[in-house]
Amino acid sequence: MSDTAGSLTPEQRLELHEAKERARSFLGAAKVAGFNGWTLGFFAVMSILFGLLSPINLLVGLGLAVVARNEFLGRSRLRRLDASGLELLWQNQLGLVAIITAYCLWNMYRAVAHPNPQMTQLTDLLGAGSGELIQSLTLIVYVAVMVATVIFQGLNARYYFVRVARLREYLRTTPPWVLDVQRLSEV
């Protein structure tokens, strides 16, 4: 880029600088997607490892791996100034909500329909009525996880979604030569 910058007029350099500043309104999402991708990738690996003992954890791990891959894919597209990257990112967050919600609902069902035998032993030790308390606390925890997921991932989806319009406006109003230079350097 230094060769290109040396051959640009002062006006072109200013235009390139101003475009880079305007691009900040949506390019921060690439950093968020990178962080999300690595974090989800870590949890995917952990879930898959524990999935060796539990098929549900294996399914969750595979789902998280797909979501992590999509975060990196969306990030890559965004850095090339492709609006489909942000589209993928906000939809990916909704997919993550679906995975976590399904996991929580499954575990809530299991807590009620098929209580863990170890919990039965614990309730025997704690006395009568403690089984219902443990079951209620289990359900409360899973409901809290679902609510927190909907709020947090919903806000994350909105964060990406809002930037789609900003990127499209940027692409519409930025000179093609500036976009070409930015795509070559991945902004």
N, C-alpha and C. Protein backbone atom coordinates (compact mmCIF):
# COMPACT_ATOMS: atom_id res chain seq x y z
N MET A 1 0.81 -1.18 0.00
CA MET A 1 0.00 0.00 0.00
C MET A 1 0.86 1.24 0.00
N SER A 2 2.09 1.17 0.50
CA SER A 2 2.95 2.35 0.54
C SER A 2 3.28 2.80 -0.88
N ASP A 3 3.44 1.86 -1.84
CA ASP A 3 3.67 2.25 -3.23
C ASP A 3 2.46 2.98 -3.78
N THR A 4 1.26 2.47 -3.45
CA THR A 4 0.04 3.10 -3.92
C THR A 4 -0.13 4.47 -3.29
N ALA A 5 0.14 4.58 -1.99
CA ALA A 5 -0.03 5.85 -1.30
C ALA A 5 0.92 6.90 -1.87
N GLY A 6 2.11 6.50 -2.29
CA GLY A 6 3.07 7.44 -2.86
C GLY A 6 2.63 7.97 -4.21
N SER A 7 1.84 7.21 -4.95
CA SER A 7 1.40 7.65 -6.27
C SER A 7 0.05 8.35 -6.23
N LEU A 8 -0.55 8.47 -5.07
CA LEU A 8 -1.84 9.13 -4.94
C LEU A 8 -1.65 10.63 -4.76
N THR A 9 -2.60 11.38 -5.24
CA THR A 9 -2.58 12.83 -5.02
C THR A 9 -2.97 13.09 -3.57
N PRO A 10 -2.67 14.28 -3.07
CA PRO A 10 -3.10 14.61 -1.69
C PRO A 10 -4.62 14.48 -1.52
N GLU A 11 -5.38 14.83 -2.55
CA GLU A 11 -6.84 14.72 -2.46
C GLU A 11 -7.27 13.26 -2.36
N GLN A 12 -6.60 12.40 -3.13
CA GLN A 12 -6.93 10.98 -3.08
C GLN A 12 -6.57 10.37 -1.72
N ARG A 13 -5.42 10.79 -1.20
CA ARG A 13 -5.02 10.29 0.14
C ARG A 13 -6.03 10.72 1.19
N LEU A 14 -6.50 11.95 1.08
CA LEU A 14 -7.51 12.44 2.02
C LEU A 14 -8.81 11.64 1.87
N GLU A 15 -9.21 11.40 0.64
CA GLU A 15 -10.42 10.62 0.38
C GLU A 15 -10.29 9.20 0.94
N LEU A 16 -9.13 8.61 0.78
CA LEU A 16 -8.88 7.27 1.31
C LEU A 16 -8.93 7.28 2.84
N HIS A 17 -8.33 8.29 3.45
CA HIS A 17 -8.34 8.41 4.91
C HIS A 17 -9.77 8.60 5.43
N GLU A 18 -10.53 9.48 4.79
CA GLU A 18 -11.91 9.71 5.22
C GLU A 18 -12.76 8.45 5.07
N ALA A 19 -12.54 7.71 4.00
CA ALA A 19 -13.29 6.46 3.80
C ALA A 19 -12.94 5.45 4.90
N LYS A 20 -11.67 5.39 5.25
CA LYS A 20 -11.26 4.47 6.32
C LYS A 20 -11.93 4.85 7.65
N GLU A 21 -12.03 6.13 7.91
CA GLU A 21 -12.70 6.58 9.14
C GLU A 21 -14.18 6.22 9.12
N ARG A 22 -14.84 6.39 7.98
CA ARG A 22 -16.26 6.04 7.87
C ARG A 22 -16.47 4.53 8.02
N ALA A 23 -15.51 3.76 7.56
CA ALA A 23 -15.63 2.29 7.63
C ALA A 23 -15.57 1.78 9.07
N ARG A 24 -15.07 2.60 9.96
CA ARG A 24 -15.00 2.17 11.38
C ARG A 24 -16.37 1.87 11.95
N SER A 25 -17.41 2.50 11.38
CA SER A 25 -18.76 2.32 11.92
C SER A 25 -19.27 0.89 11.76
N PHE A 26 -18.62 0.11 10.92
CA PHE A 26 -19.05 -1.28 10.76
C PHE A 26 -17.90 -2.29 10.87
N LEU A 27 -16.67 -1.84 10.72
CA LEU A 27 -15.56 -2.79 10.74
C LEU A 27 -15.21 -3.31 12.14
N GLY A 28 -15.66 -2.64 13.17
CA GLY A 28 -15.46 -3.15 14.52
C GLY A 28 -16.14 -4.50 14.71
N ALA A 29 -17.16 -4.74 13.90
CA ALA A 29 -17.87 -6.03 13.97
C ALA A 29 -16.95 -7.19 13.61
N ALA A 30 -15.92 -6.93 12.80
CA ALA A 30 -14.97 -8.00 12.45
C ALA A 30 -14.20 -8.45 13.69
N LYS A 31 -13.86 -7.50 14.56
CA LYS A 31 -13.16 -7.86 15.80
C LYS A 31 -14.08 -8.65 16.73
N VAL A 32 -15.33 -8.24 16.81
CA VAL A 32 -16.30 -8.96 17.63
C VAL A 32 -16.47 -10.39 17.11
N ALA A 33 -16.58 -10.52 15.79
CA ALA A 33 -16.74 -11.85 15.19
C ALA A 33 -15.52 -12.73 15.45
N GLY A 34 -14.34 -12.14 15.40
CA GLY A 34 -13.12 -12.91 15.69
C GLY A 34 -13.13 -13.42 17.13
N PHE A 35 -13.47 -12.53 18.06
CA PHE A 35 -13.54 -12.93 19.48
C PHE A 35 -14.59 -14.03 19.66
N ASN A 36 -15.77 -13.81 19.07
CA ASN A 36 -16.84 -14.82 19.18
C ASN A 36 -16.41 -16.15 18.59
N GLY A 37 -15.74 -16.11 17.45
CA GLY A 37 -15.30 -17.34 16.79
C GLY A 37 -14.35 -18.14 17.66
N TRP A 38 -13.36 -17.47 18.24
CA TRP A 38 -12.40 -18.19 19.09
C TRP A 38 -13.06 -18.71 20.36
N THR A 39 -13.94 -17.90 20.96
CA THR A 39 -14.62 -18.33 22.18
C THR A 39 -15.53 -19.52 21.91
N LEU A 40 -16.32 -19.42 20.86
CA LEU A 40 -17.22 -20.53 20.52
C LEU A 40 -16.45 -21.77 20.10
N GLY A 41 -15.33 -21.56 19.42
CA GLY A 41 -14.48 -22.69 19.04
C GLY A 41 -13.97 -23.44 20.26
N PHE A 42 -13.56 -22.69 21.28
CA PHE A 42 -13.10 -23.32 22.53
C PHE A 42 -14.21 -24.16 23.15
N PHE A 43 -15.41 -23.56 23.25
CA PHE A 43 -16.53 -24.30 23.85
C PHE A 43 -16.97 -25.47 22.97
N ALA A 44 -16.81 -25.35 21.67
CA ALA A 44 -17.13 -26.47 20.78
C ALA A 44 -16.19 -27.63 21.06
N VAL A 45 -14.90 -27.35 21.18
CA VAL A 45 -13.92 -28.42 21.46
C VAL A 45 -14.23 -29.08 22.80
N MET A 46 -14.51 -28.26 23.81
CA MET A 46 -14.81 -28.83 25.14
C MET A 46 -16.08 -29.69 25.08
N SER A 47 -17.09 -29.21 24.40
CA SER A 47 -18.34 -29.99 24.30
C SER A 47 -18.13 -31.28 23.53
N ILE A 48 -17.35 -31.23 22.48
CA ILE A 48 -17.08 -32.44 21.71
C ILE A 48 -16.29 -33.45 22.55
N LEU A 49 -15.32 -32.96 23.32
CA LEU A 49 -14.57 -33.86 24.20
C LEU A 49 -15.49 -34.52 25.22
N PHE A 50 -16.38 -33.73 25.84
CA PHE A 50 -17.33 -34.30 26.78
C PHE A 50 -18.39 -35.12 26.04
N GLY A 51 -18.55 -34.85 24.75
CA GLY A 51 -19.50 -35.59 23.93
C GLY A 51 -19.11 -37.03 23.73
N LEU A 52 -17.86 -37.33 24.04
CA LEU A 52 -17.44 -38.73 23.97
C LEU A 52 -18.21 -39.57 24.98
N LEU A 53 -18.72 -38.89 26.02
CA LEU A 53 -19.50 -39.58 27.05
C LEU A 53 -21.00 -39.29 26.94
N SER A 54 -21.35 -38.25 26.20
CA SER A 54 -22.76 -37.85 26.12
C SER A 54 -23.09 -37.41 24.70
N PRO A 55 -24.00 -38.12 24.05
CA PRO A 55 -24.38 -37.76 22.68
C PRO A 55 -24.92 -36.33 22.56
N ILE A 56 -25.65 -35.86 23.57
CA ILE A 56 -26.21 -34.50 23.50
C ILE A 56 -25.08 -33.47 23.51
N ASN A 57 -24.04 -33.71 24.31
CA ASN A 57 -22.90 -32.79 24.32
C ASN A 57 -22.16 -32.82 22.98
N LEU A 58 -22.11 -33.99 22.37
CA LEU A 58 -21.48 -34.10 21.05
C LEU A 58 -22.25 -33.26 20.03
N LEU A 59 -23.59 -33.36 20.04
CA LEU A 59 -24.41 -32.57 19.12
C LEU A 59 -24.24 -31.07 19.37
N VAL A 60 -24.24 -30.68 20.64
CA VAL A 60 -24.05 -29.27 20.98
C VAL A 60 -22.67 -28.81 20.50
N GLY A 61 -21.66 -29.63 20.73
CA GLY A 61 -20.30 -29.29 20.30
C GLY A 61 -20.21 -29.10 18.80
N LEU A 62 -20.85 -29.99 18.06
CA LEU A 62 -20.85 -29.86 16.60
C LEU A 62 -21.59 -28.60 16.16
N GLY A 63 -22.70 -28.31 16.82
CA GLY A 63 -23.44 -27.07 16.52
C GLY A 63 -22.61 -25.84 16.81
N LEU A 64 -21.91 -25.84 17.95
CA LEU A 64 -21.05 -24.71 18.29
C LEU A 64 -19.89 -24.58 17.31
N ALA A 65 -19.39 -25.71 16.82
CA ALA A 65 -18.30 -25.67 15.83
C ALA A 65 -18.78 -25.00 14.54
N VAL A 66 -20.00 -25.30 14.12
CA VAL A 66 -20.56 -24.67 12.93
C VAL A 66 -20.72 -23.16 13.16
N VAL A 67 -21.23 -22.79 14.32
CA VAL A 67 -21.40 -21.37 14.64
C VAL A 67 -20.04 -20.66 14.67
N ALA A 68 -19.04 -21.30 15.25
CA ALA A 68 -17.69 -20.70 15.29
C ALA A 68 -17.14 -20.51 13.88
N ARG A 69 -17.31 -21.53 13.04
CA ARG A 69 -16.85 -21.41 11.65
C ARG A 69 -17.55 -20.26 10.94
N ASN A 70 -18.84 -20.13 11.17
CA ASN A 70 -19.59 -19.05 10.54
C ASN A 70 -19.13 -17.68 11.01
N GLU A 71 -18.71 -17.58 12.27
CA GLU A 71 -18.18 -16.30 12.76
C GLU A 71 -16.92 -15.93 11.99
N PHE A 72 -16.04 -16.90 11.78
CA PHE A 72 -14.81 -16.62 11.03
C PHE A 72 -15.11 -16.32 9.56
N LEU A 73 -16.07 -17.05 8.99
CA LEU A 73 -16.44 -16.82 7.60
C LEU A 73 -17.06 -15.43 7.43
N GLY A 74 -17.97 -15.07 8.32
CA GLY A 74 -18.58 -13.75 8.27
C GLY A 74 -17.55 -12.65 8.45
N ARG A 75 -16.61 -12.86 9.35
CA ARG A 75 -15.53 -11.89 9.59
C ARG A 75 -14.71 -11.69 8.33
N SER A 76 -14.36 -12.78 7.67
CA SER A 76 -13.56 -12.71 6.46
C SER A 76 -14.30 -11.94 5.36
N ARG A 77 -15.58 -12.24 5.20
CA ARG A 77 -16.37 -11.53 4.18
C ARG A 77 -16.46 -10.03 4.52
N LEU A 78 -16.69 -9.73 5.76
CA LEU A 78 -16.80 -8.33 6.18
C LEU A 78 -15.52 -7.58 5.90
N ARG A 79 -14.39 -8.19 6.19
CA ARG A 79 -13.11 -7.52 5.94
C ARG A 79 -12.87 -7.28 4.46
N ARG A 80 -13.57 -8.03 3.59
CA ARG A 80 -13.50 -7.80 2.14
C ARG A 80 -14.62 -6.86 1.69
N LEU A 81 -15.30 -6.23 2.66
CA LEU A 81 -16.39 -5.29 2.41
C LEU A 81 -17.56 -5.95 1.68
N ASP A 82 -17.86 -7.18 2.08
CA ASP A 82 -18.97 -7.94 1.52
C ASP A 82 -20.10 -7.96 2.57
N ALA A 83 -21.22 -7.34 2.23
CA ALA A 83 -22.33 -7.24 3.17
C ALA A 83 -22.89 -8.61 3.58
N SER A 84 -22.66 -9.64 2.77
CA SER A 84 -23.16 -10.97 3.15
C SER A 84 -22.48 -11.47 4.42
N GLY A 85 -21.31 -10.93 4.74
CA GLY A 85 -20.63 -11.31 5.98
C GLY A 85 -21.44 -10.90 7.20
N LEU A 86 -21.92 -9.66 7.20
CA LEU A 86 -22.74 -9.20 8.32
C LEU A 86 -24.09 -9.91 8.36
N GLU A 87 -24.63 -10.21 7.19
CA GLU A 87 -25.88 -10.98 7.14
C GLU A 87 -25.68 -12.34 7.81
N LEU A 88 -24.59 -13.01 7.45
CA LEU A 88 -24.29 -14.31 8.05
C LEU A 88 -24.10 -14.18 9.55
N LEU A 89 -23.42 -13.13 9.98
CA LEU A 89 -23.12 -12.97 11.41
C LEU A 89 -24.38 -12.78 12.24
N TRP A 90 -25.31 -11.95 11.80
CA TRP A 90 -26.50 -11.76 12.64
C TRP A 90 -27.38 -13.02 12.63
N GLN A 91 -27.46 -13.70 11.49
CA GLN A 91 -28.24 -14.93 11.44
C GLN A 91 -27.58 -16.03 12.27
N ASN A 92 -26.27 -16.02 12.29
CA ASN A 92 -25.50 -17.00 13.07
C ASN A 92 -25.81 -16.87 14.56
N GLN A 93 -25.98 -15.64 15.02
CA GLN A 93 -26.31 -15.43 16.43
C GLN A 93 -27.67 -16.04 16.76
N LEU A 94 -28.60 -15.94 15.83
CA LEU A 94 -29.92 -16.56 16.06
C LEU A 94 -29.79 -18.07 16.08
N GLY A 95 -28.90 -18.62 15.26
CA GLY A 95 -28.64 -20.06 15.31
C GLY A 95 -28.07 -20.48 16.65
N LEU A 96 -27.19 -19.65 17.19
CA LEU A 96 -26.62 -19.94 18.52
C LEU A 96 -27.71 -19.93 19.59
N VAL A 97 -28.63 -18.97 19.50
CA VAL A 97 -29.76 -18.94 20.44
C VAL A 97 -30.54 -20.24 20.34
N ALA A 98 -30.79 -20.71 19.12
CA ALA A 98 -31.55 -21.96 18.92
C ALA A 98 -30.83 -23.15 19.54
N ILE A 99 -29.51 -23.23 19.36
CA ILE A 99 -28.74 -24.35 19.91
C ILE A 99 -28.81 -24.36 21.44
N ILE A 100 -28.56 -23.20 22.03
CA ILE A 100 -28.54 -23.13 23.50
C ILE A 100 -29.94 -23.36 24.07
N THR A 101 -30.94 -22.81 23.42
CA THR A 101 -32.32 -23.01 23.88
C THR A 101 -32.72 -24.49 23.80
N ALA A 102 -32.39 -25.12 22.70
CA ALA A 102 -32.70 -26.56 22.57
C ALA A 102 -31.99 -27.37 23.65
N TYR A 103 -30.72 -27.05 23.92
CA TYR A 103 -29.96 -27.74 24.97
C TYR A 103 -30.63 -27.56 26.33
N CYS A 104 -31.03 -26.33 26.63
CA CYS A 104 -31.67 -26.07 27.92
C CYS A 104 -33.01 -26.78 28.03
N LEU A 105 -33.82 -26.71 26.98
CA LEU A 105 -35.12 -27.38 27.01
C LEU A 105 -34.97 -28.89 27.17
N TRP A 106 -33.99 -29.47 26.50
CA TRP A 106 -33.74 -30.90 26.63
C TRP A 106 -33.38 -31.25 28.08
N ASN A 107 -32.50 -30.46 28.67
CA ASN A 107 -32.10 -30.74 30.05
C ASN A 107 -33.21 -30.47 31.05
N MET A 108 -34.08 -29.53 30.76
CA MET A 108 -35.24 -29.30 31.62
C MET A 108 -36.18 -30.51 31.55
N TYR A 109 -36.40 -30.99 30.35
CA TYR A 109 -37.23 -32.20 30.18
C TYR A 109 -36.64 -33.37 30.95
N ARG A 110 -35.34 -33.57 30.80
CA ARG A 110 -34.69 -34.69 31.49
C ARG A 110 -34.77 -34.56 33.00
N ALA A 111 -34.64 -33.31 33.49
CA ALA A 111 -34.70 -33.10 34.94
C ALA A 111 -36.06 -33.48 35.50
N VAL A 112 -37.11 -33.30 34.71
CA VAL A 112 -38.46 -33.62 35.17
C VAL A 112 -38.83 -35.08 34.87
N ALA A 113 -38.58 -35.51 33.64
CA ALA A 113 -39.03 -36.84 33.21
C ALA A 113 -38.10 -37.97 33.65
N HIS A 114 -36.81 -37.70 33.67
CA HIS A 114 -35.82 -38.73 33.99
C HIS A 114 -34.76 -38.15 34.93
N PRO A 115 -35.11 -37.99 36.20
CA PRO A 115 -34.15 -37.40 37.14
C PRO A 115 -32.86 -38.22 37.22
N ASN A 116 -31.79 -37.53 37.42
CA ASN A 116 -30.48 -38.14 37.55
C ASN A 116 -30.46 -39.02 38.81
N PRO A 117 -30.02 -40.27 38.71
CA PRO A 117 -29.98 -41.16 39.89
C PRO A 117 -29.11 -40.58 41.02
N GLN A 118 -28.06 -39.88 40.66
CA GLN A 118 -27.22 -39.28 41.71
C GLN A 118 -27.99 -38.21 42.46
N MET A 119 -28.88 -37.49 41.78
CA MET A 119 -29.71 -36.50 42.46
C MET A 119 -30.70 -37.19 43.39
N THR A 120 -31.18 -38.35 43.01
CA THR A 120 -32.09 -39.11 43.87
C THR A 120 -31.38 -39.50 45.16
N GLN A 121 -30.13 -39.91 45.05
CA GLN A 121 -29.35 -40.23 46.24
C GLN A 121 -29.16 -38.99 47.11
N LEU A 122 -28.92 -37.85 46.48
CA LEU A 122 -28.73 -36.60 47.23
C LEU A 122 -30.02 -36.23 47.95
N THR A 123 -31.16 -36.37 47.29
CA THR A 123 -32.42 -36.02 47.93
C THR A 123 -32.74 -36.98 49.09
N ASP A 124 -32.31 -38.22 48.96
CA ASP A 124 -32.50 -39.16 50.07
C ASP A 124 -31.71 -38.70 51.29
N LEU A 125 -30.51 -38.18 51.05
CA LEU A 125 -29.68 -37.69 52.15
C LEU A 125 -30.25 -36.42 52.76
N LEU A 126 -30.79 -35.53 51.93
CA LEU A 126 -31.27 -34.24 52.41
C LEU A 126 -32.66 -34.32 53.04
N GLY A 127 -33.40 -35.33 52.71
CA GLY A 127 -34.72 -35.49 53.32
C GLY A 127 -35.85 -35.22 52.36
N ALA A 128 -37.07 -35.42 52.88
CA ALA A 128 -38.28 -35.29 52.07
C ALA A 128 -38.44 -33.86 51.57
N GLY A 129 -38.92 -33.73 50.35
CA GLY A 129 -39.18 -32.41 49.78
C GLY A 129 -37.98 -31.78 49.09
N SER A 130 -36.79 -32.30 49.38
CA SER A 130 -35.61 -31.70 48.77
C SER A 130 -35.52 -32.01 47.28
N GLY A 131 -36.13 -33.11 46.85
CA GLY A 131 -36.12 -33.47 45.43
C GLY A 131 -36.83 -32.43 44.59
N GLU A 132 -37.96 -31.95 45.08
CA GLU A 132 -38.70 -30.92 44.37
C GLU A 132 -37.90 -29.61 44.34
N LEU A 133 -37.22 -29.32 45.44
CA LEU A 133 -36.40 -28.10 45.50
C LEU A 133 -35.26 -28.18 44.48
N ILE A 134 -34.58 -29.29 44.43
CA ILE A 134 -33.47 -29.46 43.49
C ILE A 134 -33.98 -29.39 42.06
N GLN A 135 -35.12 -30.02 41.81
CA GLN A 135 -35.70 -29.98 40.47
C GLN A 135 -36.08 -28.54 40.10
N SER A 136 -36.68 -27.82 41.03
CA SER A 136 -37.06 -26.42 40.78
C SER A 136 -35.83 -25.55 40.52
N LEU A 137 -34.78 -25.75 41.31
CA LEU A 137 -33.55 -24.97 41.10
C LEU A 137 -32.92 -25.28 39.74
N THR A 138 -32.97 -26.54 39.35
CA THR A 138 -32.44 -26.93 38.04
C THR A 138 -33.20 -26.22 36.93
N LEU A 139 -34.52 -26.23 37.03
CA LEU A 139 -35.34 -25.56 36.02
C LEU A 139 -35.08 -24.06 35.99
N ILE A 140 -34.93 -23.46 37.16
CA ILE A 140 -34.65 -22.02 37.23
C ILE A 140 -33.32 -21.68 36.57
N VAL A 141 -32.32 -22.51 36.80
CA VAL A 141 -31.01 -22.26 36.18
C VAL A 141 -31.11 -22.32 34.66
N TYR A 142 -31.80 -23.33 34.12
CA TYR A 142 -31.91 -23.45 32.67
C TYR A 142 -32.75 -22.32 32.07
N VAL A 143 -33.80 -21.91 32.76
CA VAL A 143 -34.60 -20.77 32.28
C VAL A 143 -33.73 -19.51 32.28
N ALA A 144 -32.94 -19.32 33.33
CA ALA A 144 -32.07 -18.14 33.40
C ALA A 144 -31.04 -18.14 32.26
N VAL A 145 -30.50 -19.31 31.96
CA VAL A 145 -29.54 -19.42 30.85
C VAL A 145 -30.22 -19.06 29.53
N MET A 146 -31.45 -19.56 29.34
CA MET A 146 -32.16 -19.25 28.09
C MET A 146 -32.45 -17.75 27.98
N VAL A 147 -32.91 -17.15 29.06
CA VAL A 147 -33.21 -15.71 29.04
C VAL A 147 -31.94 -14.90 28.78
N ALA A 148 -30.86 -15.24 29.48
CA ALA A 148 -29.60 -14.53 29.27
C ALA A 148 -29.10 -14.70 27.84
N THR A 149 -29.25 -15.89 27.29
CA THR A 149 -28.83 -16.16 25.91
C THR A 149 -29.64 -15.33 24.93
N VAL A 150 -30.95 -15.31 25.10
CA VAL A 150 -31.80 -14.53 24.20
C VAL A 150 -31.42 -13.05 24.27
N ILE A 151 -31.18 -12.55 25.47
CA ILE A 151 -30.81 -11.13 25.61
C ILE A 151 -29.44 -10.87 24.99
N PHE A 152 -28.43 -11.61 25.42
CA PHE A 152 -27.06 -11.33 24.98
C PHE A 152 -26.88 -11.59 23.50
N GLN A 153 -27.27 -12.78 23.03
CA GLN A 153 -27.08 -13.11 21.63
C GLN A 153 -28.03 -12.29 20.75
N GLY A 154 -29.20 -11.97 21.30
CA GLY A 154 -30.12 -11.09 20.56
C GLY A 154 -29.51 -9.72 20.34
N LEU A 155 -28.87 -9.18 21.38
CA LEU A 155 -28.19 -7.88 21.23
C LEU A 155 -27.01 -7.99 20.27
N ASN A 156 -26.33 -9.11 20.31
CA ASN A 156 -25.22 -9.33 19.39
C ASN A 156 -25.72 -9.42 17.95
N ALA A 157 -26.84 -10.10 17.73
CA ALA A 157 -27.44 -10.19 16.40
C ALA A 157 -27.86 -8.80 15.93
N ARG A 158 -28.44 -8.02 16.83
CA ARG A 158 -28.83 -6.65 16.47
C ARG A 158 -27.61 -5.80 16.12
N TYR A 159 -26.53 -5.97 16.88
CA TYR A 159 -25.28 -5.25 16.62
C TYR A 159 -24.82 -5.48 15.18
N TYR A 160 -24.83 -6.74 14.76
CA TYR A 160 -24.43 -7.07 13.39
C TYR A 160 -25.46 -6.55 12.38
N PHE A 161 -26.73 -6.75 12.68
CA PHE A 161 -27.81 -6.38 11.76
C PHE A 161 -27.78 -4.88 11.44
N VAL A 162 -27.61 -4.05 12.44
CA VAL A 162 -27.58 -2.59 12.26
C VAL A 162 -26.45 -2.19 11.31
N ARG A 163 -25.35 -2.90 11.37
CA ARG A 163 -24.19 -2.56 10.55
C ARG A 163 -24.34 -2.95 9.08
N VAL A 164 -25.31 -3.80 8.78
CA VAL A 164 -25.55 -4.18 7.38
C VAL A 164 -25.90 -2.93 6.57
N ALA A 165 -26.83 -2.13 7.07
CA ALA A 165 -27.24 -0.91 6.36
C ALA A 165 -26.08 0.07 6.25
N ARG A 166 -25.29 0.18 7.30
CA ARG A 166 -24.12 1.08 7.26
C ARG A 166 -23.13 0.66 6.17
N LEU A 167 -22.88 -0.65 6.08
CA LEU A 167 -21.95 -1.14 5.06
C LEU A 167 -22.52 -0.92 3.65
N ARG A 168 -23.79 -1.19 3.49
CA ARG A 168 -24.39 -0.98 2.16
C ARG A 168 -24.34 0.50 1.75
N GLU A 169 -24.60 1.38 2.68
CA GLU A 169 -24.51 2.82 2.40
C GLU A 169 -23.07 3.19 2.06
N TYR A 170 -22.14 2.64 2.80
CA TYR A 170 -20.72 2.89 2.54
C TYR A 170 -20.34 2.43 1.14
N LEU A 171 -20.77 1.26 0.76
CA LEU A 171 -20.47 0.73 -0.58
C LEU A 171 -21.11 1.59 -1.68
N ARG A 172 -22.28 2.12 -1.39
CA ARG A 172 -22.99 2.95 -2.36
C ARG A 172 -22.31 4.31 -2.55
N THR A 173 -21.75 4.87 -1.48
CA THR A 173 -21.24 6.24 -1.53
C THR A 173 -19.73 6.36 -1.67
N THR A 174 -19.03 5.26 -1.57
CA THR A 174 -17.56 5.31 -1.64
C THR A 174 -17.10 5.05 -3.07
N PRO A 175 -16.17 5.85 -3.56
CA PRO A 175 -15.67 5.65 -4.93
C PRO A 175 -15.10 4.25 -5.11
N PRO A 176 -15.35 3.65 -6.27
CA PRO A 176 -14.88 2.28 -6.53
C PRO A 176 -13.37 2.10 -6.35
N TRP A 177 -12.58 3.10 -6.72
CA TRP A 177 -11.13 2.94 -6.58
C TRP A 177 -10.74 2.83 -5.11
N VAL A 178 -11.45 3.54 -4.23
CA VAL A 178 -11.17 3.46 -2.79
C VAL A 178 -11.52 2.06 -2.29
N LEU A 179 -12.67 1.54 -2.72
CA LEU A 179 -13.08 0.19 -2.31
C LEU A 179 -12.06 -0.85 -2.78
N ASP A 180 -11.56 -0.67 -4.01
CA ASP A 180 -10.56 -1.60 -4.53
C ASP A 180 -9.30 -1.59 -3.68
N VAL A 181 -8.83 -0.40 -3.31
CA VAL A 181 -7.63 -0.28 -2.48
C VAL A 181 -7.88 -0.93 -1.12
N GLN A 182 -9.05 -0.66 -0.54
CA GLN A 182 -9.36 -1.22 0.77
C GLN A 182 -9.49 -2.74 0.72
N ARG A 183 -10.08 -3.24 -0.32
CA ARG A 183 -10.22 -4.70 -0.43
C ARG A 183 -8.86 -5.37 -0.59
N LEU A 184 -7.97 -4.71 -1.30
CA LEU A 184 -6.63 -5.27 -1.46
C LEU A 184 -5.89 -5.35 -0.12
N SER A 185 -6.15 -4.35 0.72
CA SER A 185 -5.45 -4.33 2.01
C SER A 185 -6.34 -4.88 3.14
N GLU A 186 -7.54 -5.38 2.78
CA GLU A 186 -8.55 -5.82 3.77
C GLU A 186 -8.73 -4.78 4.85
N VAL A 187 -8.94 -3.55 4.41
CA VAL A 187 -9.19 -2.38 5.23
C VAL A 187 -8.33 -2.47 6.44
